[in-house]
Amino acid sequence: MKVLPEERVIEQWEAGSTTGNRLTTEDGGAVTVLSRGRRNDDHGPDFTDAVLATGRGPVIGDIEVHTLSSGWWAHGHHQDSAYN
């Protein structure tokens, strides 16, 4: 399996390349990106203040990009309050 580098995915998110792509929740629900948020060049998530529309209503929060779920733990985010 070939995995894109995280920086490439971040560039695509920032450029709006997700527009028209079908994004889903873990249980298969539709997700629409209303606002990609702002790039965070400081400590913490990759993007702040993103707005997503889901079947349960709007979700406002931060976006942290990882191309493998294991990256969350490998980067220590689970122990860092900046990612709460």
PDB file of N, CA and C in Angstrom:
ATOM      1  N   MET A   1       0.844  -1.177   0.000  1.00  0.00           N
ATOM      2  CA  MET A   1       0.000   0.000   0.000  1.00  0.00           C
ATOM      3  C   MET A   1       0.893   1.246   0.000  1.00  0.00           C
ATOM      4  N   LYS A   2       0.680   2.121  -0.955  1.00  0.00           N
ATOM      5  CA  LYS A   2       1.425   3.376  -1.017  1.00  0.00           C
ATOM      6  C   LYS A   2       0.646   4.446  -0.257  1.00  0.00           C
ATOM      7  N   VAL A   3       1.327   5.141   0.645  1.00  0.00           N
ATOM      8  CA  VAL A   3       0.695   6.164   1.470  1.00  0.00           C
ATOM      9  C   VAL A   3       1.268   7.524   1.081  1.00  0.00           C
ATOM     10  N   LEU A   4       0.376   8.491   0.842  1.00  0.00           N
ATOM     11  CA  LEU A   4       0.838   9.852   0.552  1.00  0.00           C
ATOM     12  C   LEU A   4       1.539  10.438   1.765  1.00  0.00           C
ATOM     13  N   PRO A   5       2.554  11.259   1.568  1.00  0.00           N
ATOM     14  CA  PRO A   5       3.155  11.968   2.694  1.00  0.00           C
ATOM     15  C   PRO A   5       2.140  12.915   3.330  1.00  0.00           C
ATOM     16  N   GLU A   6       2.184  13.040   4.644  1.00  0.00           N
ATOM     17  CA  GLU A   6       1.241  13.909   5.345  1.00  0.00           C
ATOM     18  C   GLU A   6       1.258  15.334   4.815  1.00  0.00           C
ATOM     19  N   GLU A   7       2.423  15.860   4.508  1.00  0.00           N
ATOM     20  CA  GLU A   7       2.513  17.243   4.016  1.00  0.00           C
ATOM     21  C   GLU A   7       1.735  17.405   2.712  1.00  0.00           C
ATOM     22  N   ARG A   8       1.730  16.381   1.870  1.00  0.00           N
ATOM     23  CA  ARG A   8       0.976  16.442   0.605  1.00  0.00           C
ATOM     24  C   ARG A   8      -0.530  16.489   0.885  1.00  0.00           C
ATOM     25  N   VAL A   9      -0.992  15.710   1.839  1.00  0.00           N
ATOM     26  CA  VAL A   9      -2.411  15.712   2.197  1.00  0.00           C
ATOM     27  C   VAL A   9      -2.793  17.071   2.789  1.00  0.00           C
ATOM     28  N   ILE A  10      -1.909  17.632   3.613  1.00  0.00           N
ATOM     29  CA  ILE A  10      -2.149  18.965   4.190  1.00  0.00           C
ATOM     30  C   ILE A  10      -2.270  20.001   3.075  1.00  0.00           C
ATOM     31  N   GLU A  11      -1.375  19.933   2.100  1.00  0.00           N
ATOM     32  CA  GLU A  11      -1.438  20.863   0.959  1.00  0.00           C
ATOM     33  C   GLU A  11      -2.754  20.711   0.206  1.00  0.00           C
ATOM     34  N   GLN A  12      -3.211  19.478   0.008  1.00  0.00           N
ATOM     35  CA  GLN A  12      -4.469  19.237  -0.695  1.00  0.00           C
ATOM     36  C   GLN A  12      -5.651  19.778   0.108  1.00  0.00           C
ATOM     37  N   TRP A  13      -5.635  19.557   1.420  1.00  0.00           N
ATOM     38  CA  TRP A  13      -6.720  20.069   2.271  1.00  0.00           C
ATOM     39  C   TRP A  13      -6.764  21.590   2.184  1.00  0.00           C
ATOM     40  N   GLU A  14      -5.594  22.224   2.323  1.00  0.00           N
ATOM     41  CA  GLU A  14      -5.508  23.683   2.312  1.00  0.00           C
ATOM     42  C   GLU A  14      -5.960  24.262   0.969  1.00  0.00           C
ATOM     43  N   ALA A  15      -5.651  23.566  -0.110  1.00  0.00           N
ATOM     44  CA  ALA A  15      -5.995  24.044  -1.444  1.00  0.00           C
ATOM     45  C   ALA A  15      -7.461  23.778  -1.806  1.00  0.00           C
ATOM     46  N   GLY A  16      -8.154  23.049  -0.958  1.00  0.00           N
ATOM     47  CA  GLY A  16      -9.546  22.742  -1.242  1.00  0.00           C
ATOM     48  C   GLY A  16      -9.726  21.552  -2.160  1.00  0.00           C
ATOM     49  N   SER A  17      -8.711  20.730  -2.294  1.00  0.00           N
ATOM     50  CA  SER A  17      -8.782  19.576  -3.194  1.00  0.00           C
ATOM     51  C   SER A  17      -9.780  18.521  -2.732  1.00  0.00           C
ATOM     52  N   THR A  18     -10.315  18.667  -1.528  1.00  0.00           N
ATOM     53  CA  THR A  18     -11.317  17.720  -1.051  1.00  0.00           C
ATOM     54  C   THR A  18     -12.700  18.049  -1.602  1.00  0.00           C
ATOM     55  N   THR A  19     -12.846  19.210  -2.217  1.00  0.00           N
ATOM     56  CA  THR A  19     -14.136  19.603  -2.778  1.00  0.00           C
ATOM     57  C   THR A  19     -14.577  18.578  -3.813  1.00  0.00           C
ATOM     58  N   GLY A  20     -15.791  18.084  -3.657  1.00  0.00           N
ATOM     59  CA  GLY A  20     -16.309  17.090  -4.583  1.00  0.00           C
ATOM     60  C   GLY A  20     -15.973  15.669  -4.197  1.00  0.00           C
ATOM     61  N   ASN A  21     -15.043  15.473  -3.285  1.00  0.00           N
ATOM     62  CA  ASN A  21     -14.732  14.130  -2.812  1.00  0.00           C
ATOM     63  C   ASN A  21     -15.731  13.731  -1.744  1.00  0.00           C
ATOM     64  N   ARG A  22     -16.069  12.479  -1.698  1.00  0.00           N
ATOM     65  CA  ARG A  22     -17.010  11.992  -0.700  1.00  0.00           C
ATOM     66  C   ARG A  22     -16.237  11.665   0.572  1.00  0.00           C
ATOM     67  N   LEU A  23     -16.458  12.457   1.593  1.00  0.00           N
ATOM     68  CA  LEU A  23     -15.859  12.204   2.892  1.00  0.00           C
ATOM     69  C   LEU A  23     -16.917  11.565   3.774  1.00  0.00           C
ATOM     70  N   THR A  24     -16.486  10.622   4.615  1.00  0.00           N
ATOM     71  CA  THR A  24     -17.443   9.924   5.468  1.00  0.00           C
ATOM     72  C   THR A  24     -16.919   9.797   6.886  1.00  0.00           C
ATOM     73  N   THR A  25     -17.859   9.608   7.799  1.00  0.00           N
ATOM     74  CA  THR A  25     -17.510   9.308   9.188  1.00  0.00           C
ATOM     75  C   THR A  25     -17.127   7.833   9.276  1.00  0.00           C
ATOM     76  N   GLU A  26     -16.645   7.413  10.431  1.00  0.00           N
ATOM     77  CA  GLU A  26     -16.274   6.008  10.609  1.00  0.00           C
ATOM     78  C   GLU A  26     -17.451   5.066  10.392  1.00  0.00           C
ATOM     79  N   ASP A  27     -18.677   5.544  10.674  1.00  0.00           N
ATOM     80  CA  ASP A  27     -19.849   4.677  10.492  1.00  0.00           C
ATOM     81  C   ASP A  27     -20.538   4.891   9.142  1.00  0.00           C
ATOM     82  N   GLY A  28     -19.873   5.577   8.202  1.00  0.00           N
ATOM     83  CA  GLY A  28     -20.381   5.709   6.845  1.00  0.00           C
ATOM     84  C   GLY A  28     -21.252   6.920   6.578  1.00  0.00           C
ATOM     85  N   GLY A  29     -21.430   7.796   7.564  1.00  0.00           N
ATOM     86  CA  GLY A  29     -22.234   9.005   7.368  1.00  0.00           C
ATOM     87  C   GLY A  29     -21.508  10.024   6.501  1.00  0.00           C
ATOM     88  N   ALA A  30     -22.272  10.795   5.751  1.00  0.00           N
ATOM     89  CA  ALA A  30     -21.699  11.806   4.848  1.00  0.00           C
ATOM     90  C   ALA A  30     -21.147  12.997   5.635  1.00  0.00           C
ATOM     91  N   VAL A  31     -20.040  13.544   5.138  1.00  0.00           N
ATOM     92  CA  VAL A  31     -19.415  14.739   5.707  1.00  0.00           C
ATOM     93  C   VAL A  31     -19.178  15.726   4.574  1.00  0.00           C
ATOM     94  N   THR A  32     -19.594  16.966   4.787  1.00  0.00           N
ATOM     95  CA  THR A  32     -19.347  18.032   3.821  1.00  0.00           C
ATOM     96  C   THR A  32     -18.472  19.086   4.485  1.00  0.00           C
ATOM     97  N   VAL A  33     -17.404  19.482   3.809  1.00  0.00           N
ATOM     98  CA  VAL A  33     -16.512  20.508   4.340  1.00  0.00           C
ATOM     99  C   VAL A  33     -17.117  21.871   4.004  1.00  0.00           C
ATOM    100  N   LEU A  34     -17.524  22.607   5.037  1.00  0.00           N
ATOM    101  CA  LEU A  34     -18.062  23.953   4.846  1.00  0.00           C
ATOM    102  C   LEU A  34     -16.950  24.990   4.912  1.00  0.00           C
ATOM    103  N   SER A  35     -15.969  24.750   5.772  1.00  0.00           N
ATOM    104  CA  SER A  35     -14.789  25.617   5.876  1.00  0.00           C
ATOM    105  C   SER A  35     -13.606  24.746   6.282  1.00  0.00           C
ATOM    106  N   ARG A  36     -12.520  24.856   5.554  1.00  0.00           N
ATOM    107  CA  ARG A  36     -11.334  24.055   5.846  1.00  0.00           C
ATOM    108  C   ARG A  36     -10.596  24.541   7.085  1.00  0.00           C
ATOM    109  N   GLY A  37     -10.952  25.710   7.588  1.00  0.00           N
ATOM    110  CA  GLY A  37     -10.252  26.271   8.734  1.00  0.00           C
ATOM    111  C   GLY A  37      -9.013  27.021   8.308  1.00  0.00           C
ATOM    112  N   ARG A  38      -8.205  27.375   9.292  1.00  0.00           N
ATOM    113  CA  ARG A  38      -6.972  28.136   9.045  1.00  0.00           C
ATOM    114  C   ARG A  38      -5.762  27.269   9.360  1.00  0.00           C
ATOM    115  N   ARG A  39      -4.742  27.365   8.521  1.00  0.00           N
ATOM    116  CA  ARG A  39      -3.495  26.612   8.739  1.00  0.00           C
ATOM    117  C   ARG A  39      -2.872  27.082  10.044  1.00  0.00           C
ATOM    118  N   ASN A  40      -2.468  26.159  10.866  1.00  0.00           N
ATOM    119  CA  ASN A  40      -1.835  26.449  12.143  1.00  0.00           C
ATOM    120  C   ASN A  40      -0.340  26.208  12.010  1.00  0.00           C
ATOM    121  N   ASP A  41       0.430  27.266  12.045  1.00  0.00           N
ATOM    122  CA  ASP A  41       1.883  27.142  11.935  1.00  0.00           C
ATOM    123  C   ASP A  41       2.548  27.066  13.301  1.00  0.00           C
ATOM    124  N   ASP A  42       1.729  27.026  14.345  1.00  0.00           N
ATOM    125  CA  ASP A  42       2.232  26.939  15.716  1.00  0.00           C
ATOM    126  C   ASP A  42       2.049  25.504  16.210  1.00  0.00           C
ATOM    127  N   HIS A  43       2.333  25.286  17.479  1.00  0.00           N
ATOM    128  CA  HIS A  43       2.143  23.973  18.086  1.00  0.00           C
ATOM    129  C   HIS A  43       0.654  23.626  18.120  1.00  0.00           C
ATOM    130  N   GLY A  44       0.316  22.422  17.789  1.00  0.00           N
ATOM    131  CA  GLY A  44      -1.073  21.975  17.839  1.00  0.00           C
ATOM    132  C   GLY A  44      -1.522  21.433  16.505  1.00  0.00           C
ATOM    133  N   PRO A  45      -2.836  21.298  16.322  1.00  0.00           N
ATOM    134  CA  PRO A  45      -3.395  20.698  15.108  1.00  0.00           C
ATOM    135  C   PRO A  45      -2.970  21.445  13.840  1.00  0.00           C
ATOM    136  N   ASP A  46      -3.061  20.747  12.710  1.00  0.00           N
ATOM    137  CA  ASP A  46      -2.651  21.321  11.429  1.00  0.00           C
ATOM    138  C   ASP A  46      -3.542  22.484  10.986  1.00  0.00           C
ATOM    139  N   PHE A  47      -4.852  22.398  11.303  1.00  0.00           N
ATOM    140  CA  PHE A  47      -5.808  23.450  10.953  1.00  0.00           C
ATOM    141  C   PHE A  47      -6.700  23.719  12.157  1.00  0.00           C
ATOM    142  N   THR A  48      -7.099  24.971  12.330  1.00  0.00           N
ATOM    143  CA  THR A  48      -8.004  25.333  13.422  1.00  0.00           C
ATOM    144  C   THR A  48      -9.310  25.877  12.851  1.00  0.00           C
ATOM    145  N   ASP A  49     -10.373  25.741  13.617  1.00  0.00           N
ATOM    146  CA  ASP A  49     -11.679  26.335  13.301  1.00  0.00           C
ATOM    147  C   ASP A  49     -12.299  25.854  11.991  1.00  0.00           C
ATOM    148  N   ALA A  50     -12.118  24.597  11.665  1.00  0.00           N
ATOM    149  CA  ALA A  50     -12.781  24.023  10.491  1.00  0.00           C
ATOM    150  C   ALA A  50     -14.257  23.818  10.811  1.00  0.00           C
ATOM    151  N   VAL A  51     -15.097  23.819   9.775  1.00  0.00           N
ATOM    152  CA  VAL A  51     -16.530  23.574   9.948  1.00  0.00           C
ATOM    153  C   VAL A  51     -16.935  22.460   8.985  1.00  0.00           C
ATOM    154  N   LEU A  52     -17.473  21.387   9.553  1.00  0.00           N
ATOM    155  CA  LEU A  52     -17.941  20.251   8.769  1.00  0.00           C
ATOM    156  C   LEU A  52     -19.422  20.053   9.011  1.00  0.00           C
ATOM    157  N   ALA A  53     -20.150  19.668   7.975  1.00  0.00           N
ATOM    158  CA  ALA A  53     -21.567  19.335   8.116  1.00  0.00           C
ATOM    159  C   ALA A  53     -21.689  17.821   8.129  1.00  0.00           C
ATOM    160  N   THR A  54     -22.394  17.306   9.129  1.00  0.00           N
ATOM    161  CA  THR A  54     -22.615  15.864   9.241  1.00  0.00           C
ATOM    162  C   THR A  54     -24.115  15.610   9.422  1.00  0.00           C
ATOM    163  N   GLY A  55     -24.498  14.374   9.401  1.00  0.00           N
ATOM    164  CA  GLY A  55     -25.885  14.008   9.635  1.00  0.00           C
ATOM    165  C   GLY A  55     -26.367  14.373  11.024  1.00  0.00           C
ATOM    166  N   ARG A  56     -25.443  14.591  11.937  1.00  0.00           N
ATOM    167  CA  ARG A  56     -25.783  14.989  13.306  1.00  0.00           C
ATOM    168  C   ARG A  56     -25.709  16.497  13.499  1.00  0.00           C
ATOM    169  N   GLY A  57     -25.468  17.224  12.422  1.00  0.00           N
ATOM    170  CA  GLY A  57     -25.365  18.673  12.497  1.00  0.00           C
ATOM    171  C   GLY A  57     -23.942  19.142  12.256  1.00  0.00           C
ATOM    172  N   PRO A  58     -23.723  20.455  12.367  1.00  0.00           N
ATOM    173  CA  PRO A  58     -22.380  20.992  12.113  1.00  0.00           C
ATOM    174  C   PRO A  58     -21.405  20.616  13.223  1.00  0.00           C
ATOM    175  N   VAL A  59     -20.162  20.433  12.821  1.00  0.00           N
ATOM    176  CA  VAL A  59     -19.075  20.164  13.757  1.00  0.00           C
ATOM    177  C   VAL A  59     -18.015  21.226  13.516  1.00  0.00           C
ATOM    178  N   ILE A  60     -17.640  21.931  14.559  1.00  0.00           N
ATOM    179  CA  ILE A  60     -16.621  22.977  14.462  1.00  0.00           C
ATOM    180  C   ILE A  60     -15.440  22.540  15.314  1.00  0.00           C
ATOM    181  N   GLY A  61     -14.257  22.579  14.720  1.00  0.00           N
ATOM    182  CA  GLY A  61     -13.091  22.163  15.489  1.00  0.00           C
ATOM    183  C   GLY A  61     -11.828  22.183  14.665  1.00  0.00           C
ATOM    184  N   ASP A  62     -10.858  21.470  15.162  1.00  0.00           N
ATOM    185  CA  ASP A  62      -9.532  21.452  14.561  1.00  0.00           C
ATOM    186  C   ASP A  62      -9.331  20.189  13.735  1.00  0.00           C
ATOM    187  N   ILE A  63      -8.435  20.276  12.770  1.00  0.00           N
ATOM    188  CA  ILE A  63      -8.114  19.161  11.886  1.00  0.00           C
ATOM    189  C   ILE A  63      -6.648  18.808  12.081  1.00  0.00           C
ATOM    190  N   GLU A  64      -6.388  17.551  12.380  1.00  0.00           N
ATOM    191  CA  GLU A  64      -5.032  17.023  12.473  1.00  0.00           C
ATOM    192  C   GLU A  64      -4.911  15.948  11.411  1.00  0.00           C
ATOM    193  N   VAL A  65      -3.956  16.104  10.506  1.00  0.00           N
ATOM    194  CA  VAL A  65      -3.799  15.188   9.387  1.00  0.00           C
ATOM    195  C   VAL A  65      -2.773  14.107   9.719  1.00  0.00           C
ATOM    196  N   HIS A  66      -3.191  12.876   9.525  1.00  0.00           N
ATOM    197  CA  HIS A  66      -2.288  11.721   9.565  1.00  0.00           C
ATOM    198  C   HIS A  66      -2.715  10.784   8.458  1.00  0.00           C
ATOM    199  N   THR A  67      -1.765  10.226   7.756  1.00  0.00           N
ATOM    200  CA  THR A  67      -2.093   9.299   6.682  1.00  0.00           C
ATOM    201  C   THR A  67      -2.239   7.874   7.203  1.00  0.00           C
ATOM    202  N   LEU A  68      -1.754   7.629   8.395  1.00  0.00           N
ATOM    203  CA  LEU A  68      -1.961   6.360   9.090  1.00  0.00           C
ATOM    204  C   LEU A  68      -2.453   6.689  10.498  1.00  0.00           C
ATOM    205  N   SER A  69      -3.460   5.987  10.966  1.00  0.00           N
ATOM    206  CA  SER A  69      -4.001   6.283  12.299  1.00  0.00           C
ATOM    207  C   SER A  69      -2.949   6.115  13.392  1.00  0.00           C
ATOM    208  N   SER A  70      -1.970   5.269  13.163  1.00  0.00           N
ATOM    209  CA  SER A  70      -0.911   5.062  14.158  1.00  0.00           C
ATOM    210  C   SER A  70      -0.085   6.329  14.375  1.00  0.00           C
ATOM    211  N   GLY A  71      -0.135   7.277  13.437  1.00  0.00           N
ATOM    212  CA  GLY A  71       0.598   8.530  13.569  1.00  0.00           C
ATOM    213  C   GLY A  71       0.159   9.345  14.770  1.00  0.00           C
ATOM    214  N   TRP A  72      -1.123   9.229  15.138  1.00  0.00           N
ATOM    215  CA  TRP A  72      -1.641   9.955  16.304  1.00  0.00           C
ATOM    216  C   TRP A  72      -0.828   9.599  17.549  1.00  0.00           C
ATOM    217  N   TRP A  73      -0.619   8.312  17.744  1.00  0.00           N
ATOM    218  CA  TRP A  73       0.131   7.851  18.923  1.00  0.00           C
ATOM    219  C   TRP A  73       1.633   8.029  18.722  1.00  0.00           C
ATOM    220  N   ALA A  74       2.117   7.773  17.512  1.00  0.00           N
ATOM    221  CA  ALA A  74       3.548   7.891  17.243  1.00  0.00           C
ATOM    222  C   ALA A  74       4.046   9.319  17.467  1.00  0.00           C
ATOM    223  N   HIS A  75       3.198  10.303  17.187  1.00  0.00           N
ATOM    224  CA  HIS A  75       3.573  11.709  17.364  1.00  0.00           C
ATOM    225  C   HIS A  75       3.269  12.209  18.769  1.00  0.00           C
ATOM    226  N   GLY A  76       2.688  11.362  19.622  1.00  0.00           N
ATOM    227  CA  GLY A  76       2.430  11.734  21.009  1.00  0.00           C
ATOM    228  C   GLY A  76       1.236  12.634  21.238  1.00  0.00           C
ATOM    229  N   HIS A  77       0.348  12.768  20.248  1.00  0.00           N
ATOM    230  CA  HIS A  77      -0.799  13.663  20.389  1.00  0.00           C
ATOM    231  C   HIS A  77      -1.739  13.248  21.513  1.00  0.00           C
ATOM    232  N   HIS A  78      -1.823  11.953  21.771  1.00  0.00           N
ATOM    233  CA  HIS A  78      -2.715  11.463  22.829  1.00  0.00           C
ATOM    234  C   HIS A  78      -2.288  11.933  24.218  1.00  0.00           C
ATOM    235  N   GLN A  79      -1.078  12.431  24.334  1.00  0.00           N
ATOM    236  CA  GLN A  79      -0.564  12.924  25.619  1.00  0.00           C
ATOM    237  C   GLN A  79      -0.382  14.438  25.647  1.00  0.00           C
ATOM    238  N   ASP A  80      -0.873  15.118  24.626  1.00  0.00           N
ATOM    239  CA  ASP A  80      -0.653  16.556  24.474  1.00  0.00           C
ATOM    240  C   ASP A  80      -1.990  17.283  24.478  1.00  0.00           C
ATOM    241  N   SER A  81      -2.217  18.134  25.467  1.00  0.00           N
ATOM    242  CA  SER A  81      -3.512  18.821  25.617  1.00  0.00           C
ATOM    243  C   SER A  81      -3.814  19.768  24.448  1.00  0.00           C
ATOM    244  N   ALA A  82      -2.819  20.139  23.642  1.00  0.00           N
ATOM    245  CA  ALA A  82      -3.071  20.997  22.485  1.00  0.00           C
ATOM    246  C   ALA A  82      -3.962  20.292  21.457  1.00  0.00           C
ATOM    247  N   TYR A  83      -4.097  18.951  21.574  1.00  0.00           N
ATOM    248  CA  TYR A  83      -4.883  18.183  20.625  1.00  0.00           C
ATOM    249  C   TYR A  83      -6.221  17.724  21.200  1.00  0.00           C
ATOM    250  N   ASN A  84      -6.605  18.259  22.349  1.00  0.00           N
ATOM    251  CA  ASN A  84      -7.896  17.890  22.928  1.00  0.00           C
ATOM    252  C   ASN A  84      -9.019  18.464  22.105  1.00  0.00           C
TER     253      ASN A  84
END
